[in-house]
Amino acid sequence: MPFRQLTIIGVGLLGGSIGLAVRAAMPACRIIGCGHRQASLDRAIDMGAIDEGRIDPTAAVVGSDLVILCTPVGLFDSMLRKIATSLTAGCIVTDVGSTKRSVAAAAQEILPESVDFVPSHPMSGSEKRGVEFARADLFRHGLCILTPTAKTRPAALTRIEEFWKMLGMRITQLDPATHDRLLGDVSHLPHLLAAALLSMQEDAALELSGKGFLDATRIAGGDGALWRDILVDNADNLRSAVRRLQVELAEVVSLLGPGQGEAMKDWLDAAAQRRQELMQKKLRELNPD
């Protein structure tokens, strides 16, 4: 059954893109946007991403059978507390957060039994922010990770899986703890590294940087407050990832010693081969036929 009314809390890049994608896939669905700036909501209306914009989240969720949290993860707890008593019985709440343990625990504590929560992480986006960068095809061919808990009802999980598939996404499932551990390695740690690469440079070196450096540090252009919340929320996994990276870097330092040229080449070739295999796998996922 398609959703009749959807509330998007946080109408930025991801929230606006959800609105545009839903507009294309479910034209009969009414889309309510919630944000803290009226100008952004008006922009989203002009773009066709939402039908109506509201500042008050408690009013924005009334009557909706699907609510999607698209704010920074640090606001999830307080937002759930604001909307909990205004949610319609039978409503499904989901999110787009990059960490899953904390929001799953908060939803279990805060939301009434009449409401289902299905944690989601659509792996789409960019370093840009703001609804003006929203695109209807942002989620197409992307991977959405669902992290159901023991309290997630199967019917709600199925509806959210179908929702993201309707927006063009592939689906996989992990438990929240495994999600946060693995994404700490392949998503959160790379952001730290990109920021660190920029922080360590002399101005004179930056003047000489080229496309390779810009490619390696692109994700450091993301919003600091948004990424602060992600990194702090997943700090335990990130500390572990940084320690394992330090071990790898210590090995690299040893490969820079005298007489280690061939070993360095083998190390680089192994990394290149692993990346090539990864790229081929990703291409197969995007083009299964």
Protein backbone atom coordinates (compact mmCIF):
# COMPACT_ATOMS: atom_id res chain seq x y z
CA MET A 1 0.00 0.00 0.00
CA PRO A 2 1.49 3.41 -0.94
CA PHE A 3 1.79 6.11 1.67
CA ARG A 4 -0.87 8.80 1.69
CA GLN A 5 1.05 11.53 3.51
CA LEU A 6 4.77 11.82 4.17
CA THR A 7 6.54 14.18 6.55
CA ILE A 8 10.19 14.98 5.92
CA ILE A 9 11.88 16.53 8.95
CA GLY A 10 14.92 18.38 7.66
CA VAL A 11 14.48 19.47 4.05
CA GLY A 12 18.08 19.73 2.89
CA LEU A 13 19.94 17.75 0.25
CA LEU A 14 18.67 14.33 1.36
CA GLY A 15 15.23 15.43 2.53
CA GLY A 16 14.64 17.49 -0.60
CA SER A 17 15.82 14.65 -2.82
CA ILE A 18 13.42 12.27 -1.06
CA GLY A 19 10.60 14.71 -1.73
CA LEU A 20 11.45 15.01 -5.43
CA ALA A 21 11.84 11.23 -5.80
CA VAL A 22 8.53 10.55 -4.03
CA ARG A 23 6.84 13.16 -6.21
CA ALA A 24 7.96 11.21 -9.29
CA ALA A 25 7.17 7.75 -7.91
CA MET A 26 4.04 8.45 -5.82
CA PRO A 27 2.37 11.56 -7.24
CA ALA A 28 -0.72 11.09 -5.05
CA CYS A 29 1.31 11.25 -1.82
CA ARG A 30 1.10 14.57 0.02
CA ILE A 31 4.52 15.70 1.18
CA ILE A 32 4.94 17.88 4.28
CA GLY A 33 8.34 19.42 4.92
CA CYS A 34 9.59 20.57 8.31
CA GLY A 35 12.57 22.83 8.87
CA HIS A 36 13.78 25.71 11.00
CA ARG A 37 14.04 28.28 8.18
CA GLN A 38 10.98 29.40 6.28
CA ALA A 39 13.10 30.51 3.33
CA SER A 40 14.39 26.94 2.85
CA LEU A 41 10.88 25.54 3.08
CA ASP A 42 9.65 28.07 0.51
CA ARG A 43 12.51 27.07 -1.77
CA ALA A 44 11.55 23.40 -1.39
CA ILE A 45 7.94 24.22 -2.30
CA ASP A 46 9.08 26.16 -5.37
CA MET A 47 11.21 23.19 -6.45
CA GLY A 48 8.31 20.78 -6.03
CA ALA A 49 10.05 18.82 -3.28
CA ILE A 50 7.23 19.39 -0.77
CA ASP A 51 3.61 20.49 -0.89
CA GLU A 52 3.64 22.37 2.39
CA GLY A 53 6.28 23.59 4.84
CA ARG A 54 5.97 23.87 8.60
CA ILE A 55 8.35 25.08 11.27
CA ASP A 56 6.70 23.19 14.15
CA PRO A 57 7.52 19.45 13.95
CA THR A 58 4.61 18.49 16.19
CA ALA A 59 2.19 19.98 13.65
CA ALA A 60 4.13 18.68 10.67
CA VAL A 61 3.68 14.98 11.56
CA VAL A 62 -0.06 15.05 12.25
CA GLY A 63 -1.89 12.75 9.83
CA SER A 64 1.24 11.34 8.20
CA ASP A 65 1.63 7.59 7.79
CA LEU A 66 5.38 7.94 7.12
CA VAL A 67 7.83 10.29 8.88
CA ILE A 68 11.48 10.49 7.82
CA LEU A 69 14.11 12.10 10.05
CA CYS A 70 16.62 13.92 7.83
CA THR A 71 18.22 16.16 10.44
CA PRO A 72 21.78 15.67 11.74
CA VAL A 73 21.99 12.57 13.95
CA GLY A 74 22.67 14.71 17.01
CA LEU A 75 19.10 16.04 16.81
CA PHE A 76 17.34 12.69 16.51
CA ASP A 77 16.72 12.17 20.22
CA SER A 78 15.24 15.61 20.80
CA MET A 79 13.18 15.43 17.59
CA LEU A 80 11.69 12.06 18.52
CA ARG A 81 10.71 13.49 21.91
CA LYS A 82 9.00 16.46 20.22
CA ILE A 83 6.93 14.42 17.78
CA ALA A 84 6.18 11.27 19.80
CA THR A 85 2.76 12.28 21.11
CA SER A 86 1.65 13.82 17.79
CA LEU A 87 2.28 10.74 15.62
CA THR A 88 -0.75 8.99 14.17
CA ALA A 89 -1.29 5.40 15.32
CA GLY A 90 0.07 3.05 12.66
CA CYS A 91 2.59 5.58 11.43
CA ILE A 92 6.06 4.37 10.45
CA VAL A 93 9.09 6.48 11.39
CA THR A 94 12.43 6.02 9.66
CA ASP A 95 15.60 8.07 9.26
CA VAL A 96 18.58 8.64 6.97
CA GLY A 97 21.27 8.77 9.65
CA SER A 98 24.83 7.51 9.17
CA THR A 99 24.88 5.90 12.62
CA LYS A 100 22.22 3.49 13.83
CA ARG A 101 22.77 2.32 17.42
CA SER A 102 21.78 5.57 19.11
CA VAL A 103 18.68 6.32 17.04
CA ALA A 104 17.43 2.73 17.36
CA ALA A 105 17.80 2.92 21.15
CA ALA A 106 16.19 6.37 21.34
CA ALA A 107 13.21 5.31 19.23
CA GLN A 108 12.67 2.21 21.35
CA GLU A 109 12.63 4.36 24.49
CA ILE A 110 10.61 7.32 23.20
CA LEU A 111 8.08 6.24 20.57
CA PRO A 112 4.69 4.81 21.56
CA GLU A 113 3.87 1.15 20.88
CA SER A 114 1.35 2.24 18.22
CA VAL A 115 4.19 3.58 16.04
CA ASP A 116 6.80 1.53 14.17
CA PHE A 117 10.42 2.59 13.78
CA VAL A 118 12.60 1.16 11.01
CA PRO A 119 16.20 2.51 11.01
CA SER A 120 17.48 3.28 7.50
CA HIS A 121 20.74 4.48 6.01
CA PRO A 122 20.49 5.37 2.31
CA MET A 123 24.09 5.52 1.09
CA SER A 124 23.61 8.55 -1.13
CA GLY A 125 24.58 12.17 -0.92
CA SER A 126 27.50 14.49 -1.46
CA GLU A 127 29.60 17.05 0.33
CA LYS A 128 27.05 19.70 -0.69
CA ARG A 129 24.22 20.78 1.58
CA GLY A 130 20.93 22.57 1.12
CA VAL A 131 17.72 21.80 -0.72
CA GLU A 132 18.94 23.67 -3.79
CA PHE A 133 21.22 20.69 -4.51
CA ALA A 134 18.40 18.13 -4.21
CA ARG A 135 17.87 15.73 -7.14
CA ALA A 136 15.09 13.27 -7.87
CA ASP A 137 17.63 10.66 -9.00
CA LEU A 138 19.98 10.97 -6.01
CA PHE A 139 19.05 7.53 -4.66
CA ARG A 140 18.91 5.64 -7.95
CA HIS A 141 21.21 2.59 -7.94
CA GLY A 142 22.39 3.41 -4.42
CA LEU A 143 22.50 1.03 -1.46
CA CYS A 144 20.14 1.46 1.49
CA ILE A 145 21.09 -0.33 4.71
CA LEU A 146 18.16 -1.24 6.96
CA THR A 147 19.00 -2.06 10.57
CA PRO A 148 15.89 -3.59 12.14
CA THR A 149 15.87 -4.42 15.83
CA ALA A 150 14.07 -7.15 17.76
CA LYS A 151 11.12 -4.78 18.13
CA THR A 152 10.80 -3.96 14.42
CA ARG A 153 7.57 -5.43 13.10
CA PRO A 154 7.98 -7.38 9.85
CA ALA A 155 5.14 -5.55 8.08
CA ALA A 156 6.74 -2.15 8.78
CA LEU A 157 10.14 -3.42 7.66
CA THR A 158 8.64 -4.66 4.39
CA ARG A 159 6.93 -1.33 3.70
CA ILE A 160 10.15 0.64 4.27
CA GLU A 161 12.11 -1.78 2.11
CA GLU A 162 9.55 -1.29 -0.67
CA PHE A 163 9.71 2.49 -0.18
CA TRP A 164 13.46 2.70 -0.75
CA LYS A 165 13.25 0.26 -3.66
CA MET A 166 10.63 2.52 -5.20
CA LEU A 167 13.18 5.35 -5.07
CA GLY A 168 15.61 3.12 -6.99
CA MET A 169 17.75 1.75 -4.18
CA ARG A 170 19.19 -1.70 -3.51
CA ILE A 171 18.57 -3.05 -0.01
CA THR A 172 20.67 -4.90 2.52
CA GLN A 173 20.19 -5.50 6.24
CA LEU A 174 22.58 -5.33 9.19
CA ASP A 175 22.09 -5.09 12.92
CA PRO A 176 22.76 -1.55 14.25
CA ALA A 177 26.05 -2.45 15.97
CA THR A 178 27.52 -4.15 12.90
CA HIS A 179 26.40 -1.22 10.73
CA ASP A 180 28.21 1.30 12.93
CA ARG A 181 31.39 -0.80 13.07
CA LEU A 182 31.63 -1.35 9.32
CA LEU A 183 30.58 2.18 8.33
CA GLY A 184 33.14 3.52 10.78
CA ASP A 185 35.78 1.90 8.57
CA VAL A 186 34.53 2.75 5.08
CA SER A 187 32.66 6.03 5.60
CA HIS A 188 33.51 7.82 8.84
CA LEU A 189 37.26 7.10 8.92
CA PRO A 190 37.75 8.35 5.32
CA HIS A 191 36.14 11.66 6.31
CA LEU A 192 38.56 12.00 9.21
CA LEU A 193 41.47 11.22 6.90
CA ALA A 194 40.39 13.75 4.29
CA ALA A 195 40.16 16.44 6.97
CA ALA A 196 43.53 15.40 8.41
CA LEU A 197 45.20 15.57 4.98
CA LEU A 198 44.05 19.16 4.67
CA SER A 199 44.94 20.09 8.23
CA MET A 200 48.55 18.89 7.97
CA GLN A 201 49.45 20.88 4.83
CA GLU A 202 51.56 24.00 4.60
CA ASP A 203 49.97 26.78 2.57
CA ALA A 204 52.89 26.52 0.15
CA ALA A 205 52.11 22.84 -0.47
CA LEU A 206 48.43 23.55 -1.06
CA GLU A 207 49.42 26.03 -3.75
CA LEU A 208 50.97 23.12 -5.66
CA SER A 209 48.12 20.64 -5.16
CA GLY A 210 46.39 19.12 -8.16
CA LYS A 211 43.39 17.00 -9.04
CA GLY A 212 44.63 13.99 -7.09
CA PHE A 213 44.74 15.95 -3.84
CA LEU A 214 41.34 17.50 -4.53
CA ASP A 215 39.86 14.05 -5.23
CA ALA A 216 41.39 12.63 -2.04
CA THR A 217 40.00 15.45 0.11
CA ARG A 218 36.63 16.09 -1.57
CA ILE A 219 34.56 14.72 1.29
CA ALA A 220 36.25 17.07 3.75
CA GLY A 221 34.05 19.78 2.24
CA GLY A 222 31.01 18.43 4.11
CA ASP A 223 29.15 20.28 6.85
CA GLY A 224 31.18 20.31 10.06
CA ALA A 225 28.24 20.14 12.47
CA LEU A 226 26.66 17.23 10.63
CA TRP A 227 29.92 15.24 10.57
CA ARG A 228 30.77 16.15 14.17
CA ASP A 229 27.56 14.44 15.26
CA ILE A 230 28.36 11.31 13.22
CA LEU A 231 31.95 11.04 14.44
CA VAL A 232 31.08 11.65 18.09
CA ASP A 233 28.18 9.20 17.95
CA ASN A 234 30.45 6.47 16.53
CA ALA A 235 33.57 7.42 18.50
CA ASP A 236 34.26 3.94 19.91
CA ASN A 237 34.38 2.33 16.47
CA LEU A 238 36.41 5.21 15.08
CA ARG A 239 39.03 4.91 17.82
CA SER A 240 39.40 1.25 16.90
CA ALA A 241 39.65 2.08 13.19
CA VAL A 242 42.28 4.77 13.80
CA ARG A 243 44.37 2.35 15.87
CA ARG A 244 44.25 -0.26 13.07
CA LEU A 245 45.19 2.42 10.56
CA GLN A 246 48.15 3.39 12.73
CA VAL A 247 49.38 -0.21 12.52
CA GLU A 248 49.10 -0.08 8.73
CA LEU A 249 50.91 3.26 8.56
CA ALA A 250 53.70 1.89 10.76
CA GLU A 251 54.13 -0.85 8.17
CA VAL A 252 54.27 1.81 5.44
CA VAL A 253 57.00 3.66 7.34
CA SER A 254 59.05 0.48 7.42
CA LEU A 255 58.55 0.09 3.66
CA LEU A 256 60.12 3.51 3.17
CA GLY A 257 63.41 2.20 4.57
CA PRO A 258 66.51 1.25 2.53
CA GLY A 259 66.15 -1.76 0.27
CA GLN A 260 62.36 -1.94 0.57
CA GLY A 261 61.51 -0.76 -2.95
CA GLU A 262 60.22 -4.13 -4.16
CA ALA A 263 58.19 -4.66 -1.01
CA MET A 264 56.69 -1.17 -1.43
CA LYS A 265 55.75 -2.04 -5.02
CA ASP A 266 54.07 -5.27 -3.86
CA TRP A 267 52.12 -3.35 -1.20
CA LEU A 268 50.96 -0.74 -3.74
CA ASP A 269 50.07 -3.41 -6.32
CA ALA A 270 48.01 -5.31 -3.75
CA ALA A 271 46.07 -2.14 -2.90
CA ALA A 272 45.54 -1.35 -6.59
CA GLN A 273 44.29 -4.89 -7.23
CA ARG A 274 41.90 -4.72 -4.31
CA ARG A 275 40.51 -1.42 -5.55
CA GLN A 276 40.10 -2.78 -9.07
CA GLU A 277 38.16 -5.76 -7.76
CA LEU A 278 35.99 -3.42 -5.70
CA MET A 279 35.26 -1.20 -8.71
CA GLN A 280 34.30 -4.22 -10.82
CA LYS A 281 31.96 -5.44 -8.08
CA LYS A 282 30.31 -2.02 -7.82
CA LEU A 283 29.85 -1.87 -11.59
CA ARG A 284 28.18 -5.29 -11.55
CA GLU A 285 25.83 -4.09 -8.83
CA LEU A 286 24.89 -1.02 -10.89
CA ASN A 287 24.51 -3.01 -14.10
CA PRO A 288 23.31 -6.49 -13.07
CA ASP A 289 22.32 -7.40 -16.65
